[in-house]
Amino acid sequence: MDEQGKTTIVAMWTATTPEQVAEGERIFRSHAEWMKGHSRSGDTALLSYRISEGPRLADPLDPTSDPTGDTIFVLSEVYETPAGVGEHWRLAVETWEDFPAFLEWSIACGITTLHAGTVEHALW
């Protein structure tokens, strides 16, 4: 599927304690299940969804550097149009039972986000 020109949400969190890692894993299990209810057609269509988790490295530009002990979570969602992002947040507030826990965890871990970004390059 060619995603070039489509709309994205990308977010990254850094969990610094085992408790934060466990809570992130719990939240994203809940989130993944909840995301299955998103529209798969029309302007608000969810085209792809991914959660990645892995160690934060001492040198982020050297994949052979030592892990710091922190864990990074990365979320990537691609929507047909920007309307999908708005619909996603509306649904999160109204229907996702773990939304308050997600907000609390995000504040505790720190979050970097790109809302309604545009996919500039996509290979497949």
PDB file of N, CA and C in Angstrom:
ATOM      1  N   MET A   1       0.845  -1.182   0.000  1.00  0.00           N
ATOM      2  CA  MET A   1       0.000   0.000   0.000  1.00  0.00           C
ATOM      3  C   MET A   1       0.886   1.239   0.000  1.00  0.00           C
ATOM      4  N   ASP A   2       0.606   2.164  -0.874  1.00  0.00           N
ATOM      5  CA  ASP A   2       1.358   3.414  -0.940  1.00  0.00           C
ATOM      6  C   ASP A   2       0.795   4.388   0.084  1.00  0.00           C
ATOM      7  N   GLU A   3       1.584   4.707   1.097  1.00  0.00           N
ATOM      8  CA  GLU A   3       1.133   5.605   2.152  1.00  0.00           C
ATOM      9  C   GLU A   3       1.622   7.040   1.953  1.00  0.00           C
ATOM     10  N   GLN A   4       2.374   7.285   0.884  1.00  0.00           N
ATOM     11  CA  GLN A   4       2.871   8.636   0.641  1.00  0.00           C
ATOM     12  C   GLN A   4       1.702   9.601   0.546  1.00  0.00           C
ATOM     13  N   GLY A   5       1.802  10.722   1.258  1.00  0.00           N
ATOM     14  CA  GLY A   5       0.759  11.732   1.273  1.00  0.00           C
ATOM     15  C   GLY A   5      -0.318  11.489   2.312  1.00  0.00           C
ATOM     16  N   LYS A   6      -0.293  10.345   2.972  1.00  0.00           N
ATOM     17  CA  LYS A   6      -1.282  10.040   4.006  1.00  0.00           C
ATOM     18  C   LYS A   6      -0.900  10.742   5.300  1.00  0.00           C
ATOM     19  N   THR A   7      -1.761  10.669   6.302  1.00  0.00           N
ATOM     20  CA  THR A   7      -1.609  11.404   7.550  1.00  0.00           C
ATOM     21  C   THR A   7      -1.162  10.484   8.683  1.00  0.00           C
ATOM     22  N   THR A   8      -0.235  10.967   9.508  1.00  0.00           N
ATOM     23  CA  THR A   8       0.315  10.128  10.578  1.00  0.00           C
ATOM     24  C   THR A   8       0.147  10.735  11.964  1.00  0.00           C
ATOM     25  N   ILE A   9       0.131   9.826  12.924  1.00  0.00           N
ATOM     26  CA  ILE A   9       0.418  10.150  14.325  1.00  0.00           C
ATOM     27  C   ILE A   9       1.639   9.305  14.664  1.00  0.00           C
ATOM     28  N   VAL A  10       2.682   9.955  15.175  1.00  0.00           N
ATOM     29  CA  VAL A  10       3.862   9.247  15.648  1.00  0.00           C
ATOM     30  C   VAL A  10       4.161   9.792  17.040  1.00  0.00           C
ATOM     31  N   ALA A  11       4.421   8.891  17.983  1.00  0.00           N
ATOM     32  CA  ALA A  11       4.747   9.320  19.344  1.00  0.00           C
ATOM     33  C   ALA A  11       5.820   8.410  19.908  1.00  0.00           C
ATOM     34  N   MET A  12       6.624   8.967  20.811  1.00  0.00           N
ATOM     35  CA  MET A  12       7.688   8.206  21.443  1.00  0.00           C
ATOM     36  C   MET A  12       7.746   8.560  22.930  1.00  0.00           C
ATOM     37  N   TRP A  13       7.845   7.508  23.757  1.00  0.00           N
ATOM     38  CA  TRP A  13       7.938   7.640  25.198  1.00  0.00           C
ATOM     39  C   TRP A  13       9.215   6.971  25.676  1.00  0.00           C
ATOM     40  N   THR A  14       9.792   7.462  26.775  1.00  0.00           N
ATOM     41  CA  THR A  14      10.930   6.811  27.404  1.00  0.00           C
ATOM     42  C   THR A  14      10.550   6.439  28.831  1.00  0.00           C
ATOM     43  N   ALA A  15      10.420   5.130  29.066  1.00  0.00           N
ATOM     44  CA  ALA A  15      10.112   4.614  30.393  1.00  0.00           C
ATOM     45  C   ALA A  15      11.427   4.376  31.125  1.00  0.00           C
ATOM     46  N   THR A  16      11.528   4.890  32.344  1.00  0.00           N
ATOM     47  CA  THR A  16      12.794   4.837  33.071  1.00  0.00           C
ATOM     48  C   THR A  16      12.782   3.872  34.253  1.00  0.00           C
ATOM     49  N   THR A  17      11.626   3.258  34.529  1.00  0.00           N
ATOM     50  CA  THR A  17      11.543   2.306  35.641  1.00  0.00           C
ATOM     51  C   THR A  17      10.832   1.039  35.163  1.00  0.00           C
ATOM     52  N   PRO A  18      11.067  -0.068  35.829  1.00  0.00           N
ATOM     53  CA  PRO A  18      10.344  -1.288  35.464  1.00  0.00           C
ATOM     54  C   PRO A  18       8.821  -1.127  35.579  1.00  0.00           C
ATOM     55  N   GLU A  19       8.385  -0.336  36.533  1.00  0.00           N
ATOM     56  CA  GLU A  19       6.947  -0.093  36.698  1.00  0.00           C
ATOM     57  C   GLU A  19       6.373   0.662  35.493  1.00  0.00           C
ATOM     58  N   GLN A  20       7.115   1.644  34.997  1.00  0.00           N
ATOM     59  CA  GLN A  20       6.666   2.376  33.808  1.00  0.00           C
ATOM     60  C   GLN A  20       6.628   1.472  32.588  1.00  0.00           C
ATOM     61  N   VAL A  21       7.613   0.577  32.455  1.00  0.00           N
ATOM     62  CA  VAL A  21       7.631  -0.358  31.330  1.00  0.00           C
ATOM     63  C   VAL A  21       6.406  -1.267  31.406  1.00  0.00           C
ATOM     64  N   ALA A  22       6.149  -1.828  32.584  1.00  0.00           N
ATOM     65  CA  ALA A  22       4.996  -2.722  32.747  1.00  0.00           C
ATOM     66  C   ALA A  22       3.693  -1.994  32.439  1.00  0.00           C
ATOM     67  N   GLU A  23       3.572  -0.763  32.893  1.00  0.00           N
ATOM     68  CA  GLU A  23       2.351  -0.004  32.628  1.00  0.00           C
ATOM     69  C   GLU A  23       2.232   0.326  31.147  1.00  0.00           C
ATOM     70  N   GLY A  24       3.332   0.662  30.493  1.00  0.00           N
ATOM     71  CA  GLY A  24       3.293   0.913  29.049  1.00  0.00           C
ATOM     72  C   GLY A  24       2.855  -0.325  28.285  1.00  0.00           C
ATOM     73  N   GLU A  25       3.381  -1.467  28.652  1.00  0.00           N
ATOM     74  CA  GLU A  25       2.982  -2.709  27.981  1.00  0.00           C
ATOM     75  C   GLU A  25       1.498  -2.992  28.197  1.00  0.00           C
ATOM     76  N   ARG A  26       1.003  -2.748  29.412  1.00  0.00           N
ATOM     77  CA  ARG A  26      -0.418  -2.940  29.693  1.00  0.00           C
ATOM     78  C   ARG A  26      -1.269  -1.973  28.877  1.00  0.00           C
ATOM     79  N   ILE A  27      -0.879  -0.716  28.867  1.00  0.00           N
ATOM     80  CA  ILE A  27      -1.633   0.312  28.139  1.00  0.00           C
ATOM     81  C   ILE A  27      -1.684  -0.017  26.651  1.00  0.00           C
ATOM     82  N   PHE A  28      -0.562  -0.432  26.074  1.00  0.00           N
ATOM     83  CA  PHE A  28      -0.564  -0.690  24.634  1.00  0.00           C
ATOM     84  C   PHE A  28      -1.283  -1.983  24.263  1.00  0.00           C
ATOM     85  N   ARG A  29      -1.367  -2.943  25.178  1.00  0.00           N
ATOM     86  CA  ARG A  29      -2.244  -4.105  24.924  1.00  0.00           C
ATOM     87  C   ARG A  29      -3.687  -3.631  24.830  1.00  0.00           C
ATOM     88  N   SER A  30      -4.073  -2.774  25.765  1.00  0.00           N
ATOM     89  CA  SER A  30      -5.426  -2.210  25.758  1.00  0.00           C
ATOM     90  C   SER A  30      -5.652  -1.359  24.512  1.00  0.00           C
ATOM     91  N   HIS A  31      -4.681  -0.533  24.185  1.00  0.00           N
ATOM     92  CA  HIS A  31      -4.790   0.368  23.037  1.00  0.00           C
ATOM     93  C   HIS A  31      -4.934  -0.417  21.737  1.00  0.00           C
ATOM     94  N   ALA A  32      -4.109  -1.445  21.568  1.00  0.00           N
ATOM     95  CA  ALA A  32      -4.169  -2.249  20.336  1.00  0.00           C
ATOM     96  C   ALA A  32      -5.550  -2.883  20.178  1.00  0.00           C
ATOM     97  N   GLU A  33      -6.097  -3.389  21.252  1.00  0.00           N
ATOM     98  CA  GLU A  33      -7.430  -4.001  21.193  1.00  0.00           C
ATOM     99  C   GLU A  33      -8.476  -2.943  20.844  1.00  0.00           C
ATOM    100  N   TRP A  34      -8.388  -1.776  21.473  1.00  0.00           N
ATOM    101  CA  TRP A  34      -9.329  -0.687  21.212  1.00  0.00           C
ATOM    102  C   TRP A  34      -9.209  -0.189  19.768  1.00  0.00           C
ATOM    103  N   MET A  35      -8.003  -0.141  19.227  1.00  0.00           N
ATOM    104  CA  MET A  35      -7.787   0.347  17.864  1.00  0.00           C
ATOM    105  C   MET A  35      -8.472  -0.527  16.816  1.00  0.00           C
ATOM    106  N   LYS A  36      -8.742  -1.780  17.145  1.00  0.00           N
ATOM    107  CA  LYS A  36      -9.428  -2.667  16.197  1.00  0.00           C
ATOM    108  C   LYS A  36     -10.805  -2.139  15.817  1.00  0.00           C
ATOM    109  N   GLY A  37     -11.376  -1.257  16.604  1.00  0.00           N
ATOM    110  CA  GLY A  37     -12.686  -0.684  16.318  1.00  0.00           C
ATOM    111  C   GLY A  37     -12.650   0.520  15.387  1.00  0.00           C
ATOM    112  N   HIS A  38     -11.464   0.963  14.989  1.00  0.00           N
ATOM    113  CA  HIS A  38     -11.362   2.125  14.101  1.00  0.00           C
ATOM    114  C   HIS A  38     -11.849   1.777  12.686  1.00  0.00           C
ATOM    115  N   SER A  39     -12.356   2.785  12.021  1.00  0.00           N
ATOM    116  CA  SER A  39     -12.809   2.633  10.634  1.00  0.00           C
ATOM    117  C   SER A  39     -11.645   2.218   9.747  1.00  0.00           C
ATOM    118  N   ARG A  40     -11.909   1.363   8.783  1.00  0.00           N
ATOM    119  CA  ARG A  40     -10.887   0.930   7.835  1.00  0.00           C
ATOM    120  C   ARG A  40     -11.192   1.435   6.424  1.00  0.00           C
ATOM    121  N   SER A  41     -12.179   2.343   6.303  1.00  0.00           N
ATOM    122  CA  SER A  41     -12.522   2.893   4.990  1.00  0.00           C
ATOM    123  C   SER A  41     -12.930   4.355   5.139  1.00  0.00           C
ATOM    124  N   GLY A  42     -12.922   5.060   4.026  1.00  0.00           N
ATOM    125  CA  GLY A  42     -13.327   6.467   4.019  1.00  0.00           C
ATOM    126  C   GLY A  42     -12.234   7.400   4.496  1.00  0.00           C
ATOM    127  N   ASP A  43     -12.610   8.673   4.698  1.00  0.00           N
ATOM    128  CA  ASP A  43     -11.646   9.710   5.079  1.00  0.00           C
ATOM    129  C   ASP A  43     -10.962   9.460   6.419  1.00  0.00           C
ATOM    130  N   THR A  44     -11.634   8.752   7.338  1.00  0.00           N
ATOM    131  CA  THR A  44     -11.062   8.526   8.663  1.00  0.00           C
ATOM    132  C   THR A  44     -10.378   7.158   8.786  1.00  0.00           C
ATOM    133  N   ALA A  45     -10.178   6.474   7.664  1.00  0.00           N
ATOM    134  CA  ALA A  45      -9.642   5.107   7.689  1.00  0.00           C
ATOM    135  C   ALA A  45      -8.274   5.024   8.343  1.00  0.00           C
ATOM    136  N   LEU A  46      -8.132   4.031   9.224  1.00  0.00           N
ATOM    137  CA  LEU A  46      -6.840   3.667   9.788  1.00  0.00           C
ATOM    138  C   LEU A  46      -6.184   2.710   8.801  1.00  0.00           C
ATOM    139  N   LEU A  47      -5.036   3.099   8.245  1.00  0.00           N
ATOM    140  CA  LEU A  47      -4.353   2.291   7.232  1.00  0.00           C
ATOM    141  C   LEU A  47      -3.287   1.381   7.829  1.00  0.00           C
ATOM    142  N   SER A  48      -2.610   1.851   8.878  1.00  0.00           N
ATOM    143  CA  SER A  48      -1.623   0.997   9.542  1.00  0.00           C
ATOM    144  C   SER A  48      -1.466   1.430  10.986  1.00  0.00           C
ATOM    145  N   TYR A  49      -1.039   0.479  11.800  1.00  0.00           N
ATOM    146  CA  TYR A  49      -0.894   0.695  13.237  1.00  0.00           C
ATOM    147  C   TYR A  49       0.269  -0.160  13.727  1.00  0.00           C
ATOM    148  N   ARG A  50       1.200   0.466  14.465  1.00  0.00           N
ATOM    149  CA  ARG A  50       2.343  -0.258  15.002  1.00  0.00           C
ATOM    150  C   ARG A  50       2.752   0.324  16.350  1.00  0.00           C
ATOM    151  N   ILE A  51       3.114  -0.582  17.257  1.00  0.00           N
ATOM    152  CA  ILE A  51       3.757  -0.207  18.509  1.00  0.00           C
ATOM    153  C   ILE A  51       5.087  -0.946  18.540  1.00  0.00           C
ATOM    154  N   SER A  52       6.159  -0.207  18.765  1.00  0.00           N
ATOM    155  CA  SER A  52       7.484  -0.812  18.905  1.00  0.00           C
ATOM    156  C   SER A  52       7.996  -0.535  20.310  1.00  0.00           C
ATOM    157  N   GLU A  53       8.821  -1.443  20.816  1.00  0.00           N
ATOM    158  CA  GLU A  53       9.399  -1.303  22.152  1.00  0.00           C
ATOM    159  C   GLU A  53      10.825  -1.833  22.110  1.00  0.00           C
ATOM    160  N   GLY A  54      11.735  -1.098  22.732  1.00  0.00           N
ATOM    161  CA  GLY A  54      13.114  -1.570  22.766  1.00  0.00           C
ATOM    162  C   GLY A  54      13.972  -0.735  23.680  1.00  0.00           C
ATOM    163  N   PRO A  55      15.225  -1.133  23.854  1.00  0.00           N
ATOM    164  CA  PRO A  55      16.109  -0.437  24.789  1.00  0.00           C
ATOM    165  C   PRO A  55      16.579   0.912  24.255  1.00  0.00           C
ATOM    166  N   ARG A  56      16.665   1.869  25.151  1.00  0.00           N
ATOM    167  CA  ARG A  56      17.307   3.145  24.831  1.00  0.00           C
ATOM    168  C   ARG A  56      18.809   2.913  24.916  1.00  0.00           C
ATOM    169  N   LEU A  57      19.533   3.376  23.930  1.00  0.00           N
ATOM    170  CA  LEU A  57      20.976   3.160  23.876  1.00  0.00           C
ATOM    171  C   LEU A  57      21.746   4.379  24.367  1.00  0.00           C
ATOM    172  N   ALA A  58      22.945   4.132  24.911  1.00  0.00           N
ATOM    173  CA  ALA A  58      23.792   5.215  25.402  1.00  0.00           C
ATOM    174  C   ALA A  58      24.118   6.206  24.289  1.00  0.00           C
ATOM    175  N   ASP A  59      24.377   5.694  23.096  1.00  0.00           N
ATOM    176  CA  ASP A  59      24.619   6.542  21.923  1.00  0.00           C
ATOM    177  C   ASP A  59      23.522   6.228  20.916  1.00  0.00           C
ATOM    178  N   PRO A  60      22.553   7.111  20.766  1.00  0.00           N
ATOM    179  CA  PRO A  60      21.420   6.811  19.902  1.00  0.00           C
ATOM    180  C   PRO A  60      21.779   6.642  18.432  1.00  0.00           C
ATOM    181  N   LEU A  61      22.976   7.029  18.043  1.00  0.00           N
ATOM    182  CA  LEU A  61      23.402   6.872  16.660  1.00  0.00           C
ATOM    183  C   LEU A  61      24.326   5.677  16.454  1.00  0.00           C
ATOM    184  N   ASP A  62      24.538   4.905  17.521  1.00  0.00           N
ATOM    185  CA  ASP A  62      25.391   3.712  17.437  1.00  0.00           C
ATOM    186  C   ASP A  62      24.596   2.508  17.935  1.00  0.00           C
ATOM    187  N   PRO A  63      24.098   1.673  17.014  1.00  0.00           N
ATOM    188  CA  PRO A  63      23.277   0.543  17.432  1.00  0.00           C
ATOM    189  C   PRO A  63      24.033  -0.510  18.235  1.00  0.00           C
ATOM    190  N   THR A  64      25.358  -0.382  18.329  1.00  0.00           N
ATOM    191  CA  THR A  64      26.140  -1.336  19.127  1.00  0.00           C
ATOM    192  C   THR A  64      26.455  -0.779  20.523  1.00  0.00           C
ATOM    193  N   SER A  65      26.007   0.442  20.824  1.00  0.00           N
ATOM    194  CA  SER A  65      26.298   1.016  22.143  1.00  0.00           C
ATOM    195  C   SER A  65      25.482   0.311  23.224  1.00  0.00           C
ATOM    196  N   ASP A  66      25.909   0.493  24.449  1.00  0.00           N
ATOM    197  CA  ASP A  66      25.268  -0.172  25.588  1.00  0.00           C
ATOM    198  C   ASP A  66      23.880   0.400  25.852  1.00  0.00           C
ATOM    199  N   PRO A  67      22.947  -0.455  26.273  1.00  0.00           N
ATOM    200  CA  PRO A  67      21.637   0.034  26.688  1.00  0.00           C
ATOM    201  C   PRO A  67      21.757   0.821  27.990  1.00  0.00           C
ATOM    202  N   THR A  68      20.898   1.807  28.146  1.00  0.00           N
ATOM    203  CA  THR A  68      20.914   2.659  29.342  1.00  0.00           C
ATOM    204  C   THR A  68      20.110   2.064  30.488  1.00  0.00           C
ATOM    205  N   GLY A  69      19.260   1.113  30.181  1.00  0.00           N
ATOM    206  CA  GLY A  69      18.323   0.593  31.177  1.00  0.00           C
ATOM    207  C   GLY A  69      16.927   1.154  30.988  1.00  0.00           C
ATOM    208  N   ASP A  70      16.804   2.206  30.187  1.00  0.00           N
ATOM    209  CA  ASP A  70      15.493   2.770  29.868  1.00  0.00           C
ATOM    210  C   ASP A  70      14.891   2.011  28.685  1.00  0.00           C
ATOM    211  N   THR A  71      13.583   2.114  28.545  1.00  0.00           N
ATOM    212  CA  THR A  71      12.879   1.479  27.436  1.00  0.00           C
ATOM    213  C   THR A  71      12.135   2.533  26.643  1.00  0.00           C
ATOM    214  N   ILE A  72      12.254   2.470  25.321  1.00  0.00           N
ATOM    215  CA  ILE A  72      11.550   3.392  24.433  1.00  0.00           C
ATOM    216  C   ILE A  72      10.355   2.666  23.820  1.00  0.00           C
ATOM    217  N   PHE A  73       9.215   3.338  23.824  1.00  0.00           N
ATOM    218  CA  PHE A  73       8.014   2.885  23.125  1.00  0.00           C
ATOM    219  C   PHE A  73       7.764   3.852  21.975  1.00  0.00           C
ATOM    220  N   VAL A  74       7.442   3.315  20.800  1.00  0.00           N
ATOM    221  CA  VAL A  74       7.134   4.150  19.644  1.00  0.00           C
ATOM    222  C   VAL A  74       5.799   3.705  19.063  1.00  0.00           C
ATOM    223  N   LEU A  75       4.919   4.647  18.853  1.00  0.00           N
ATOM    224  CA  LEU A  75       3.630   4.402  18.221  1.00  0.00           C
ATOM    225  C   LEU A  75       3.634   5.047  16.844  1.00  0.00           C
ATOM    226  N   SER A  76       3.114   4.330  15.860  1.00  0.00           N
ATOM    227  CA  SER A  76       2.964   4.873  14.513  1.00  0.00           C
ATOM    228  C   SER A  76       1.597   4.469  13.981  1.00  0.00           C
ATOM    229  N   GLU A  77       0.810   5.459  13.624  1.00  0.00           N
ATOM    230  CA  GLU A  77      -0.504   5.231  13.029  1.00  0.00           C
ATOM    231  C   GLU A  77      -0.568   6.019  11.728  1.00  0.00           C
ATOM    232  N   VAL A  78      -1.134   5.431  10.689  1.00  0.00           N
ATOM    233  CA  VAL A  78      -1.305   6.123   9.413  1.00  0.00           C
ATOM    234  C   VAL A  78      -2.789   6.120   9.073  1.00  0.00           C
ATOM    235  N   TYR A  79      -3.297   7.295   8.724  1.00  0.00           N
ATOM    236  CA  TYR A  79      -4.706   7.498   8.383  1.00  0.00           C
ATOM    237  C   TYR A  79      -4.822   7.994   6.947  1.00  0.00           C
ATOM    238  N   GLU A  80      -5.974   7.770   6.366  1.00  0.00           N
ATOM    239  CA  GLU A  80      -6.248   8.209   4.997  1.00  0.00           C
ATOM    240  C   GLU A  80      -6.105   9.723   4.866  1.00  0.00           C
ATOM    241  N   THR A  81      -6.683  10.475   5.804  1.00  0.00           N
ATOM    242  CA  THR A  81      -6.656  11.941   5.764  1.00  0.00           C
ATOM    243  C   THR A  81      -6.515  12.482   7.188  1.00  0.00           C
ATOM    244  N   PRO A  82      -6.299  13.792   7.336  1.00  0.00           N
ATOM    245  CA  PRO A  82      -6.253  14.385   8.677  1.00  0.00           C
ATOM    246  C   PRO A  82      -7.533  14.153   9.482  1.00  0.00           C
ATOM    247  N   ALA A  83      -8.645  13.920   8.825  1.00  0.00           N
ATOM    248  CA  ALA A  83      -9.898  13.653   9.548  1.00  0.00           C
ATOM    249  C   ALA A  83      -9.766  12.431  10.442  1.00  0.00           C
ATOM    250  N   GLY A  84      -8.927  11.481  10.057  1.00  0.00           N
ATOM    251  CA  GLY A  84      -8.719  10.286  10.878  1.00  0.00           C
ATOM    252  C   GLY A  84      -8.093  10.597  12.216  1.00  0.00           C
ATOM    253  N   VAL A  85      -7.196  11.574  12.251  1.00  0.00           N
ATOM    254  CA  VAL A  85      -6.556  11.965  13.502  1.00  0.00           C
ATOM    255  C   VAL A  85      -7.581  12.581  14.447  1.00  0.00           C
ATOM    256  N   GLY A  86      -8.389  13.483  13.931  1.00  0.00           N
ATOM    257  CA  GLY A  86      -9.430  14.092  14.755  1.00  0.00           C
ATOM    258  C   GLY A  86     -10.409  13.052  15.288  1.00  0.00           C
ATOM    259  N   GLU A  87     -10.802  12.125  14.431  1.00  0.00           N
ATOM    260  CA  GLU A  87     -11.722  11.067  14.844  1.00  0.00           C
ATOM    261  C   GLU A  87     -11.072  10.163  15.891  1.00  0.00           C
ATOM    262  N   HIS A  88      -9.803   9.871  15.717  1.00  0.00           N
ATOM    263  CA  HIS A  88      -9.076   9.045  16.684  1.00  0.00           C
ATOM    264  C   HIS A  88      -9.126   9.674  18.078  1.00  0.00           C
ATOM    265  N   TRP A  89      -8.822  10.960  18.169  1.00  0.00           N
ATOM    266  CA  TRP A  89      -8.820  11.620  19.477  1.00  0.00           C
ATOM    267  C   TRP A  89     -10.223  11.737  20.050  1.00  0.00           C
ATOM    268  N   ARG A  90     -11.201  11.978  19.212  1.00  0.00           N
ATOM    269  CA  ARG A  90     -12.587  12.027  19.698  1.00  0.00           C
ATOM    270  C   ARG A  90     -12.964  10.689  20.305  1.00  0.00           C
ATOM    271  N   LEU A  91     -12.667   9.610  19.587  1.00  0.00           N
ATOM    272  CA  LEU A  91     -12.995   8.278  20.083  1.00  0.00           C
ATOM    273  C   LEU A  91     -12.212   7.946  21.356  1.00  0.00           C
ATOM    274  N   ALA A  92     -10.950   8.343  21.420  1.00  0.00           N
ATOM    275  CA  ALA A  92     -10.144   8.056  22.610  1.00  0.00           C
ATOM    276  C   ALA A  92     -10.778   8.665  23.856  1.00  0.00           C
ATOM    277  N   VAL A  93     -11.143   9.930  23.760  1.00  0.00           N
ATOM    278  CA  VAL A  93     -11.744  10.622  24.899  1.00  0.00           C
ATOM    279  C   VAL A  93     -13.088   9.994  25.278  1.00  0.00           C
ATOM    280  N   GLU A  94     -13.869   9.622  24.273  1.00  0.00           N
ATOM    281  CA  GLU A  94     -15.227   9.140  24.526  1.00  0.00           C
ATOM    282  C   GLU A  94     -15.332   7.653  24.822  1.00  0.00           C
ATOM    283  N   THR A  95     -14.408   6.821  24.298  1.00  0.00           N
ATOM    284  CA  THR A  95     -14.660   5.380  24.377  1.00  0.00           C
ATOM    285  C   THR A  95     -13.522   4.518  24.916  1.00  0.00           C
ATOM    286  N   TRP A  96     -12.293   5.015  25.002  1.00  0.00           N
ATOM    287  CA  TRP A  96     -11.200   4.160  25.461  1.00  0.00           C
ATOM    288  C   TRP A  96     -11.086   4.244  26.970  1.00  0.00           C
ATOM    289  N   GLU A  97     -11.366   3.152  27.648  1.00  0.00           N
ATOM    290  CA  GLU A  97     -11.398   3.141  29.114  1.00  0.00           C
ATOM    291  C   GLU A  97     -10.050   3.452  29.744  1.00  0.00           C
ATOM    292  N   ASP A  98      -8.961   3.180  29.054  1.00  0.00           N
ATOM    293  CA  ASP A  98      -7.632   3.445  29.600  1.00  0.00           C
ATOM    294  C   ASP A  98      -7.074   4.814  29.210  1.00  0.00           C
ATOM    295  N   PHE A  99      -7.885   5.661  28.619  1.00  0.00           N
ATOM    296  CA  PHE A  99      -7.395   6.978  28.211  1.00  0.00           C
ATOM    297  C   PHE A  99      -6.831   7.781  29.390  1.00  0.00           C
ATOM    298  N   PRO A 100      -7.510   7.841  30.547  1.00  0.00           N
ATOM    299  CA  PRO A 100      -6.922   8.584  31.670  1.00  0.00           C
ATOM    300  C   PRO A 100      -5.575   7.999  32.122  1.00  0.00           C
ATOM    301  N   ALA A 101      -5.459   6.666  32.166  1.00  0.00           N
ATOM    302  CA  ALA A 101      -4.189   6.034  32.547  1.00  0.00           C
ATOM    303  C   ALA A 101      -3.111   6.334  31.516  1.00  0.00           C
ATOM    304  N   PHE A 102      -3.495   6.343  30.236  1.00  0.00           N
ATOM    305  CA  PHE A 102      -2.567   6.678  29.156  1.00  0.00           C
ATOM    306  C   PHE A 102      -2.012   8.096  29.335  1.00  0.00           C
ATOM    307  N   LEU A 103      -2.874   9.052  29.645  1.00  0.00           N
ATOM    308  CA  LEU A 103      -2.425  10.428  29.850  1.00  0.00           C
ATOM    309  C   LEU A 103      -1.472  10.520  31.028  1.00  0.00           C
ATOM    310  N   GLU A 104      -1.819   9.864  32.129  1.00  0.00           N
ATOM    311  CA  GLU A 104      -0.976   9.889  33.321  1.00  0.00           C
ATOM    312  C   GLU A 104       0.393   9.262  33.035  1.00  0.00           C
ATOM    313  N   TRP A 105       0.387   8.115  32.351  1.00  0.00           N
ATOM    314  CA  TRP A 105       1.634   7.438  32.010  1.00  0.00           C
ATOM    315  C   TRP A 105       2.474   8.291  31.066  1.00  0.00           C
ATOM    316  N   SER A 106       1.842   8.923  30.090  1.00  0.00           N
ATOM    317  CA  SER A 106       2.556   9.768  29.124  1.00  0.00           C
ATOM    318  C   SER A 106       3.259  10.925  29.820  1.00  0.00           C
ATOM    319  N   ILE A 107       2.595  11.534  30.791  1.00  0.00           N
ATOM    320  CA  ILE A 107       3.202  12.636  31.540  1.00  0.00           C
ATOM    321  C   ILE A 107       4.384  12.125  32.352  1.00  0.00           C
ATOM    322  N   ALA A 108       4.218  10.956  32.987  1.00  0.00           N
ATOM    323  CA  ALA A 108       5.283  10.399  33.821  1.00  0.00           C
ATOM    324  C   ALA A 108       6.517  10.029  33.001  1.00  0.00           C
ATOM    325  N   CYS A 109       6.307   9.491  31.806  1.00  0.00           N
ATOM    326  CA  CYS A 109       7.427   9.039  30.974  1.00  0.00           C
ATOM    327  C   CYS A 109       8.023  10.150  30.132  1.00  0.00           C
ATOM    328  N   GLY A 110       7.232  11.112  29.801  1.00  0.00           N
ATOM    329  CA  GLY A 110       7.641  12.106  28.823  1.00  0.00           C
ATOM    330  C   GLY A 110       7.286  11.590  27.443  1.00  0.00           C
ATOM    331  N   ILE A 111       6.806  12.460  26.608  1.00  0.00           N
ATOM    332  CA  ILE A 111       6.321  12.062  25.289  1.00  0.00           C
ATOM    333  C   ILE A 111       6.736  13.103  24.258  1.00  0.00           C
ATOM    334  N   THR A 112       7.108  12.627  23.089  1.00  0.00           N
ATOM    335  CA  THR A 112       7.338  13.469  21.917  1.00  0.00           C
ATOM    336  C   THR A 112       6.343  13.023  20.868  1.00  0.00           C
ATOM    337  N   THR A 113       5.631  13.959  20.250  1.00  0.00           N
ATOM    338  CA  THR A 113       4.579  13.580  19.308  1.00  0.00           C
ATOM    339  C   THR A 113       4.645  14.372  18.010  1.00  0.00           C
ATOM    340  N   LEU A 114       4.123  13.742  16.985  1.00  0.00           N
ATOM    341  CA  LEU A 114       3.840  14.384  15.703  1.00  0.00           C
ATOM    342  C   LEU A 114       2.382  14.062  15.409  1.00  0.00           C
ATOM    343  N   HIS A 115       1.532  15.070  15.460  1.00  0.00           N
ATOM    344  CA  HIS A 115       0.110  14.889  15.178  1.00  0.00           C
ATOM    345  C   HIS A 115      -0.195  15.410  13.788  1.00  0.00           C
ATOM    346  N   ALA A 116      -0.893  14.604  13.017  1.00  0.00           N
ATOM    347  CA  ALA A 116      -1.313  14.989  11.672  1.00  0.00           C
ATOM    348  C   ALA A 116      -0.124  15.354  10.797  1.00  0.00           C
ATOM    349  N   GLY A 117       0.963  14.571  10.945  1.00  0.00           N
ATOM    350  CA  GLY A 117       2.087  14.713  10.024  1.00  0.00           C
ATOM    351  C   GLY A 117       1.715  14.112   8.674  1.00  0.00           C
ATOM    352  N   THR A 118       2.555  14.357   7.684  1.00  0.00           N
ATOM    353  CA  THR A 118       2.319  13.807   6.341  1.00  0.00           C
ATOM    354  C   THR A 118       3.446  12.853   5.995  1.00  0.00           C
ATOM    355  N   VAL A 119       3.086  11.679   5.493  1.00  0.00           N
ATOM    356  CA  VAL A 119       4.090  10.727   5.037  1.00  0.00           C
ATOM    357  C   VAL A 119       4.715  11.311   3.773  1.00  0.00           C
ATOM    358  N   GLU A 120       5.989  11.649   3.851  1.00  0.00           N
ATOM    359  CA  GLU A 120       6.684  12.260   2.725  1.00  0.00           C
ATOM    360  C   GLU A 120       7.315  11.230   1.796  1.00  0.00           C
ATOM    361  N   HIS A 121       7.771  10.124   2.356  1.00  0.00           N
ATOM    362  CA  HIS A 121       8.406   9.074   1.565  1.00  0.00           C
ATOM    363  C   HIS A 121       7.914   7.727   2.072  1.00  0.00           C
ATOM    364  N   ALA A 122       7.514   6.863   1.205  1.00  0.00           N
ATOM    365  CA  ALA A 122       7.071   5.509   1.574  1.00  0.00           C
ATOM    366  C   ALA A 122       7.509   4.560   0.478  1.00  0.00           C
ATOM    367  N   LEU A 123       8.094   3.446   0.868  1.00  0.00           N
ATOM    368  CA  LEU A 123       8.558   2.483  -0.119  1.00  0.00           C
ATOM    369  C   LEU A 123       7.552   1.365  -0.348  1.00  0.00           C
ATOM    370  N   TRP A 124       6.936   0.860   0.706  1.00  0.00           N
ATOM    371  CA  TRP A 124       5.940  -0.205   0.589  1.00  0.00           C
ATOM    372  C   TRP A 124       5.204  -0.346   1.875  1.00  0.00           C
TER     373      TRP A 124
END
